[in-house]
């Protein structure tokens, strides 16, 4: 879970270096990364589209304005451009964890080596 604070002037939830470079690439984290609750509210200053671009898979609680901002960014309608591949990567990681949960018969833990991070 990302936090409300800034790291080197960038909100933790919008920080690619924390979410993707360090957690996923350097440490090999294969789970989901989510924002802290209401981190995209105007008082906290994090952007929902930038959260996705940084590598957060889940923006909590997922307000209507967050959804609109992400859709606008994917369509390139605002100042921020969010490549669809980044959004697809978040969706794939979420689905991978859901499918690896113990709800599914014969499912393997997400830490199982054949199941780890292909995106």
N, C-alpha and C. Protein backbone atom coordinates (compact mmCIF):
# COMPACT_ATOMS: atom_id res chain seq x y z
N UNK A 1 0.85 -1.17 0.00
CA UNK A 1 0.00 0.00 0.00
C UNK A 1 0.89 1.23 0.00
N UNK A 2 0.61 2.14 -0.91
CA UNK A 2 1.34 3.40 -0.93
C UNK A 2 0.79 4.32 0.15
N UNK A 3 1.52 5.37 0.45
CA UNK A 3 1.14 6.26 1.54
C UNK A 3 0.80 7.65 1.02
N UNK A 4 0.41 8.52 1.94
CA UNK A 4 0.06 9.90 1.59
C UNK A 4 1.27 10.80 1.39
N UNK A 5 2.39 10.44 1.98
CA UNK A 5 3.54 11.33 1.96
C UNK A 5 4.21 11.41 0.60
N UNK A 6 5.12 12.38 0.49
CA UNK A 6 5.92 12.53 -0.72
C UNK A 6 7.30 11.93 -0.49
N UNK A 7 7.87 11.39 -1.55
CA UNK A 7 9.24 10.89 -1.53
C UNK A 7 9.97 11.63 -2.65
N UNK A 8 10.97 12.39 -2.27
CA UNK A 8 11.70 13.23 -3.24
C UNK A 8 10.77 14.14 -4.03
N UNK A 9 9.75 14.68 -3.35
CA UNK A 9 8.83 15.63 -3.96
C UNK A 9 7.68 15.03 -4.75
N UNK A 10 7.60 13.71 -4.82
CA UNK A 10 6.54 13.03 -5.57
C UNK A 10 5.68 12.23 -4.60
N UNK A 11 4.36 12.37 -4.72
CA UNK A 11 3.47 11.60 -3.85
C UNK A 11 3.78 10.11 -4.02
N UNK A 12 3.84 9.40 -2.90
CA UNK A 12 4.20 7.97 -2.94
C UNK A 12 3.32 7.19 -3.91
N UNK A 13 2.04 7.51 -3.97
CA UNK A 13 1.13 6.80 -4.87
C UNK A 13 1.40 7.11 -6.33
N UNK A 14 2.04 8.22 -6.62
CA UNK A 14 2.36 8.62 -8.00
C UNK A 14 3.83 8.38 -8.34
N UNK A 15 4.53 7.65 -7.49
CA UNK A 15 5.97 7.50 -7.61
C UNK A 15 6.34 6.19 -8.31
N UNK A 16 6.68 6.29 -9.59
CA UNK A 16 7.06 5.13 -10.40
C UNK A 16 8.28 4.43 -9.82
N UNK A 17 9.22 5.22 -9.33
CA UNK A 17 10.45 4.63 -8.77
C UNK A 17 10.15 3.72 -7.59
N UNK A 18 9.18 4.08 -6.75
CA UNK A 18 8.82 3.24 -5.61
C UNK A 18 8.01 2.02 -6.03
N UNK A 19 6.93 2.28 -6.78
CA UNK A 19 5.97 1.21 -7.09
C UNK A 19 6.48 0.21 -8.12
N UNK A 20 7.17 0.71 -9.12
CA UNK A 20 7.58 -0.18 -10.21
C UNK A 20 9.07 -0.50 -10.17
N UNK A 21 9.90 0.53 -10.18
CA UNK A 21 11.35 0.28 -10.23
C UNK A 21 11.82 -0.51 -9.01
N UNK A 22 11.52 -0.01 -7.82
CA UNK A 22 12.00 -0.69 -6.60
C UNK A 22 11.20 -1.95 -6.31
N UNK A 23 9.89 -1.82 -6.11
CA UNK A 23 9.08 -2.96 -5.65
C UNK A 23 9.02 -4.09 -6.67
N UNK A 24 8.71 -3.78 -7.89
CA UNK A 24 8.50 -4.84 -8.88
C UNK A 24 9.79 -5.31 -9.55
N UNK A 25 10.59 -4.35 -10.02
CA UNK A 25 11.77 -4.72 -10.79
C UNK A 25 12.95 -5.12 -9.90
N UNK A 26 13.26 -4.34 -8.88
CA UNK A 26 14.41 -4.66 -8.04
C UNK A 26 14.12 -5.76 -7.03
N UNK A 27 12.95 -5.69 -6.38
CA UNK A 27 12.63 -6.65 -5.32
C UNK A 27 11.82 -7.84 -5.82
N UNK A 28 11.30 -7.79 -7.05
CA UNK A 28 10.54 -8.90 -7.61
C UNK A 28 9.16 -9.08 -7.01
N UNK A 29 8.58 -8.01 -6.46
CA UNK A 29 7.24 -8.11 -5.87
C UNK A 29 6.22 -8.47 -6.94
N UNK A 30 5.46 -9.54 -6.72
CA UNK A 30 4.50 -10.02 -7.72
C UNK A 30 3.05 -9.80 -7.31
N UNK A 31 2.82 -9.17 -6.18
CA UNK A 31 1.45 -8.92 -5.72
C UNK A 31 0.89 -7.63 -6.29
N UNK A 32 -0.21 -7.19 -5.69
CA UNK A 32 -0.80 -5.93 -6.13
C UNK A 32 -0.31 -4.80 -5.23
N UNK A 33 -0.28 -3.62 -5.80
CA UNK A 33 0.03 -2.41 -5.06
C UNK A 33 -1.22 -1.55 -5.12
N UNK A 34 -1.63 -1.06 -3.96
CA UNK A 34 -2.83 -0.22 -3.91
C UNK A 34 -2.53 1.08 -3.18
N UNK A 35 -3.36 2.08 -3.46
CA UNK A 35 -3.20 3.36 -2.78
C UNK A 35 -3.79 3.28 -1.39
N UNK A 36 -3.35 4.19 -0.54
CA UNK A 36 -4.00 4.35 0.75
C UNK A 36 -5.38 4.94 0.49
N UNK A 37 -6.26 4.78 1.44
CA UNK A 37 -7.65 5.22 1.29
C UNK A 37 -7.70 6.73 1.09
N UNK A 38 -8.41 7.17 0.09
CA UNK A 38 -8.66 8.58 -0.28
C UNK A 38 -7.40 9.36 -0.64
N UNK A 39 -6.37 8.69 -1.08
CA UNK A 39 -5.14 9.40 -1.46
C UNK A 39 -5.35 10.32 -2.65
N UNK A 40 -6.38 10.09 -3.46
CA UNK A 40 -6.63 10.94 -4.61
C UNK A 40 -7.61 12.07 -4.31
N UNK A 41 -8.06 12.19 -3.07
CA UNK A 41 -8.89 13.35 -2.71
C UNK A 41 -8.07 14.61 -2.88
N UNK A 42 -8.72 15.70 -3.17
CA UNK A 42 -8.01 16.95 -3.50
C UNK A 42 -7.02 17.39 -2.42
N UNK A 43 -7.29 17.10 -1.17
CA UNK A 43 -6.39 17.51 -0.10
C UNK A 43 -5.07 16.78 -0.08
N UNK A 44 -5.03 15.57 -0.63
CA UNK A 44 -3.80 14.77 -0.61
C UNK A 44 -2.94 15.00 -1.85
N UNK A 45 -3.54 15.38 -2.96
CA UNK A 45 -2.78 15.79 -4.13
C UNK A 45 -2.32 14.72 -5.09
N UNK A 46 -2.61 13.45 -4.84
CA UNK A 46 -2.20 12.40 -5.77
C UNK A 46 -3.23 12.31 -6.90
N UNK A 47 -2.76 11.99 -8.07
CA UNK A 47 -3.61 11.86 -9.26
C UNK A 47 -3.92 10.39 -9.51
N UNK A 48 -5.19 10.07 -9.78
CA UNK A 48 -5.59 8.67 -10.04
C UNK A 48 -4.88 8.11 -11.27
N UNK A 49 -4.80 8.89 -12.33
CA UNK A 49 -4.13 8.41 -13.55
C UNK A 49 -2.64 8.21 -13.30
N UNK A 50 -2.04 9.09 -12.53
CA UNK A 50 -0.62 8.93 -12.21
C UNK A 50 -0.40 7.74 -11.28
N UNK A 51 -1.39 7.43 -10.45
CA UNK A 51 -1.30 6.23 -9.60
C UNK A 51 -1.17 4.99 -10.46
N UNK A 52 -1.99 4.91 -11.50
CA UNK A 52 -1.95 3.76 -12.42
C UNK A 52 -0.62 3.75 -13.17
N UNK A 53 -0.21 4.91 -13.68
CA UNK A 53 1.06 4.99 -14.42
C UNK A 53 2.25 4.60 -13.54
N UNK A 54 2.16 4.88 -12.24
CA UNK A 54 3.26 4.54 -11.33
C UNK A 54 3.31 3.05 -11.03
N UNK A 55 2.17 2.35 -11.19
CA UNK A 55 2.15 0.92 -10.93
C UNK A 55 1.19 0.49 -9.85
N UNK A 56 0.35 1.42 -9.34
CA UNK A 56 -0.71 1.01 -8.41
C UNK A 56 -1.75 0.25 -9.21
N UNK A 57 -2.18 -0.86 -8.70
CA UNK A 57 -3.18 -1.68 -9.38
C UNK A 57 -4.59 -1.34 -8.94
N UNK A 58 -4.71 -0.74 -7.78
CA UNK A 58 -6.01 -0.48 -7.18
C UNK A 58 -5.99 0.89 -6.53
N UNK A 59 -6.89 1.78 -6.94
CA UNK A 59 -7.01 3.10 -6.35
C UNK A 59 -8.21 3.05 -5.41
N UNK A 60 -7.94 3.33 -4.14
CA UNK A 60 -9.00 3.21 -3.13
C UNK A 60 -9.52 4.57 -2.71
N UNK A 61 -10.83 4.76 -2.62
CA UNK A 61 -11.88 3.77 -2.79
C UNK A 61 -12.39 3.68 -4.23
N UNK A 62 -11.80 4.44 -5.15
CA UNK A 62 -12.24 4.38 -6.54
C UNK A 62 -13.45 5.25 -6.79
N UNK A 63 -13.28 6.55 -6.62
CA UNK A 63 -14.38 7.49 -6.81
C UNK A 63 -14.70 7.65 -8.29
N UNK A 64 -15.87 8.16 -8.58
CA UNK A 64 -16.29 8.40 -9.97
C UNK A 64 -15.30 9.34 -10.65
N UNK A 65 -14.83 10.35 -9.94
CA UNK A 65 -13.87 11.29 -10.54
C UNK A 65 -12.53 10.60 -10.85
N UNK A 66 -12.14 9.60 -10.06
CA UNK A 66 -10.92 8.84 -10.36
C UNK A 66 -11.09 8.07 -11.66
N UNK A 67 -12.23 7.43 -11.80
CA UNK A 67 -12.50 6.65 -13.01
C UNK A 67 -12.49 7.55 -14.23
N UNK A 68 -13.12 8.71 -14.12
CA UNK A 68 -13.17 9.65 -15.24
C UNK A 68 -11.77 10.15 -15.59
N UNK A 69 -10.98 10.46 -14.57
CA UNK A 69 -9.62 10.93 -14.82
C UNK A 69 -8.79 9.87 -15.54
N UNK A 70 -8.92 8.62 -15.12
CA UNK A 70 -8.18 7.53 -15.76
C UNK A 70 -8.65 7.34 -17.20
N UNK A 71 -9.95 7.37 -17.42
CA UNK A 71 -10.48 7.21 -18.79
C UNK A 71 -10.02 8.36 -19.69
N UNK A 72 -10.07 9.59 -19.17
CA UNK A 72 -9.61 10.74 -19.94
C UNK A 72 -8.14 10.62 -20.29
N UNK A 73 -7.33 10.17 -19.33
CA UNK A 73 -5.90 10.04 -19.56
C UNK A 73 -5.59 8.95 -20.59
N UNK A 74 -6.32 7.85 -20.56
CA UNK A 74 -6.12 6.79 -21.55
C UNK A 74 -6.50 7.29 -22.95
N UNK A 75 -7.54 8.11 -23.01
CA UNK A 75 -7.99 8.65 -24.30
C UNK A 75 -7.19 9.87 -24.72
N UNK A 76 -6.28 10.32 -23.85
CA UNK A 76 -5.43 11.45 -24.17
C UNK A 76 -6.16 12.78 -24.18
N UNK A 77 -7.27 12.88 -23.44
CA UNK A 77 -8.09 14.08 -23.48
C UNK A 77 -7.64 15.16 -22.51
N UNK A 78 -6.76 14.85 -21.59
CA UNK A 78 -6.28 15.83 -20.62
C UNK A 78 -4.77 15.96 -20.76
N UNK A 79 -4.16 16.73 -19.89
CA UNK A 79 -2.72 16.97 -19.96
C UNK A 79 -1.90 15.72 -19.69
N UNK A 80 -2.48 14.74 -19.01
CA UNK A 80 -1.76 13.52 -18.70
C UNK A 80 -2.16 12.42 -19.67
N UNK A 81 -1.18 11.76 -20.26
CA UNK A 81 -1.43 10.64 -21.17
C UNK A 81 -1.08 9.36 -20.44
N UNK A 82 -2.04 8.45 -20.33
CA UNK A 82 -1.84 7.15 -19.70
C UNK A 82 -1.93 6.08 -20.78
N UNK A 83 -0.81 5.44 -21.12
CA UNK A 83 -0.87 4.39 -22.13
C UNK A 83 -1.81 3.26 -21.70
N UNK A 84 -2.59 2.77 -22.62
CA UNK A 84 -3.53 1.69 -22.32
C UNK A 84 -2.80 0.46 -21.80
N UNK A 85 -1.57 0.25 -22.24
CA UNK A 85 -0.79 -0.91 -21.77
C UNK A 85 -0.55 -0.84 -20.26
N UNK A 86 -0.41 0.37 -19.70
CA UNK A 86 -0.23 0.51 -18.26
C UNK A 86 -1.49 0.10 -17.50
N UNK A 87 -2.64 0.52 -18.02
CA UNK A 87 -3.92 0.13 -17.41
C UNK A 87 -4.14 -1.38 -17.56
N UNK A 88 -3.80 -1.93 -18.71
CA UNK A 88 -3.93 -3.38 -18.93
C UNK A 88 -3.02 -4.17 -17.99
N UNK A 89 -1.82 -3.64 -17.73
CA UNK A 89 -0.89 -4.32 -16.82
C UNK A 89 -1.48 -4.38 -15.41
N UNK A 90 -2.12 -3.30 -14.98
CA UNK A 90 -2.76 -3.29 -13.65
C UNK A 90 -3.90 -4.31 -13.60
N UNK A 91 -4.71 -4.33 -14.64
CA UNK A 91 -5.82 -5.28 -14.69
C UNK A 91 -5.31 -6.72 -14.69
N UNK A 92 -4.24 -6.97 -15.43
CA UNK A 92 -3.67 -8.33 -15.49
C UNK A 92 -3.14 -8.76 -14.13
N UNK A 93 -2.48 -7.85 -13.42
CA UNK A 93 -1.98 -8.20 -12.08
C UNK A 93 -3.13 -8.48 -11.13
N UNK A 94 -4.19 -7.69 -11.20
CA UNK A 94 -5.36 -7.93 -10.34
C UNK A 94 -5.97 -9.29 -10.64
N UNK A 95 -6.16 -9.58 -11.90
CA UNK A 95 -6.74 -10.88 -12.29
C UNK A 95 -5.85 -12.04 -11.88
N UNK A 96 -4.54 -11.86 -12.01
CA UNK A 96 -3.60 -12.92 -11.63
C UNK A 96 -3.74 -13.25 -10.14
N UNK A 97 -3.85 -12.23 -9.31
CA UNK A 97 -3.99 -12.46 -7.87
C UNK A 97 -5.34 -13.08 -7.55
N UNK A 98 -6.39 -12.61 -8.19
CA UNK A 98 -7.73 -13.17 -7.97
C UNK A 98 -7.75 -14.65 -8.35
N UNK A 99 -7.19 -14.96 -9.51
CA UNK A 99 -7.19 -16.35 -9.97
C UNK A 99 -6.29 -17.25 -9.12
N UNK A 100 -5.33 -16.66 -8.44
CA UNK A 100 -4.44 -17.45 -7.57
C UNK A 100 -4.97 -17.56 -6.15
N UNK A 101 -6.08 -16.91 -5.88
CA UNK A 101 -6.63 -16.98 -4.52
C UNK A 101 -7.15 -18.39 -4.24
N UNK A 102 -7.37 -18.69 -2.98
CA UNK A 102 -7.79 -20.05 -2.64
C UNK A 102 -9.26 -20.33 -2.96
N UNK A 103 -9.93 -19.39 -3.61
CA UNK A 103 -11.31 -19.63 -4.03
C UNK A 103 -11.34 -20.64 -5.18
N UNK A 104 -10.29 -20.60 -6.02
CA UNK A 104 -10.27 -21.42 -7.21
C UNK A 104 -9.61 -22.77 -6.94
N UNK A 105 -10.32 -23.82 -7.31
CA UNK A 105 -9.83 -25.18 -7.10
C UNK A 105 -8.52 -25.39 -7.85
N UNK A 106 -7.53 -25.88 -7.15
CA UNK A 106 -6.24 -26.17 -7.76
C UNK A 106 -5.37 -24.94 -7.97
N UNK A 107 -5.75 -23.80 -7.41
CA UNK A 107 -4.98 -22.59 -7.60
C UNK A 107 -3.65 -22.67 -6.86
N UNK A 108 -2.63 -22.04 -7.42
CA UNK A 108 -1.31 -21.95 -6.79
C UNK A 108 -1.15 -20.57 -6.18
N UNK A 109 -0.36 -20.46 -5.14
CA UNK A 109 -0.07 -19.18 -4.52
C UNK A 109 0.56 -18.24 -5.55
N UNK A 110 0.32 -16.92 -5.41
CA UNK A 110 0.90 -15.99 -6.36
C UNK A 110 2.42 -15.99 -6.32
N UNK A 111 3.01 -16.51 -5.28
CA UNK A 111 4.46 -16.56 -5.22
C UNK A 111 5.03 -17.76 -5.97
N UNK A 112 4.17 -18.62 -6.44
CA UNK A 112 4.60 -19.78 -7.21
C UNK A 112 5.37 -19.30 -8.44
N UNK A 113 6.56 -19.80 -8.66
CA UNK A 113 7.47 -19.28 -9.69
C UNK A 113 6.88 -19.25 -11.10
N UNK A 114 6.05 -20.19 -11.50
CA UNK A 114 5.48 -20.18 -12.84
C UNK A 114 4.40 -19.13 -13.00
N UNK A 115 4.05 -18.45 -11.93
CA UNK A 115 2.93 -17.52 -11.93
C UNK A 115 3.38 -16.08 -11.74
N UNK A 116 4.66 -15.86 -11.61
CA UNK A 116 5.16 -14.55 -11.21
C UNK A 116 5.30 -13.62 -12.40
N UNK A 117 4.80 -12.47 -12.30
CA UNK A 117 5.01 -11.27 -13.09
C UNK A 117 5.57 -11.49 -14.49
N UNK A 118 4.70 -11.50 -15.45
CA UNK A 118 5.10 -11.62 -16.85
C UNK A 118 4.96 -10.32 -17.61
N UNK A 119 4.40 -9.30 -16.98
CA UNK A 119 4.12 -8.04 -17.69
C UNK A 119 5.24 -7.06 -17.45
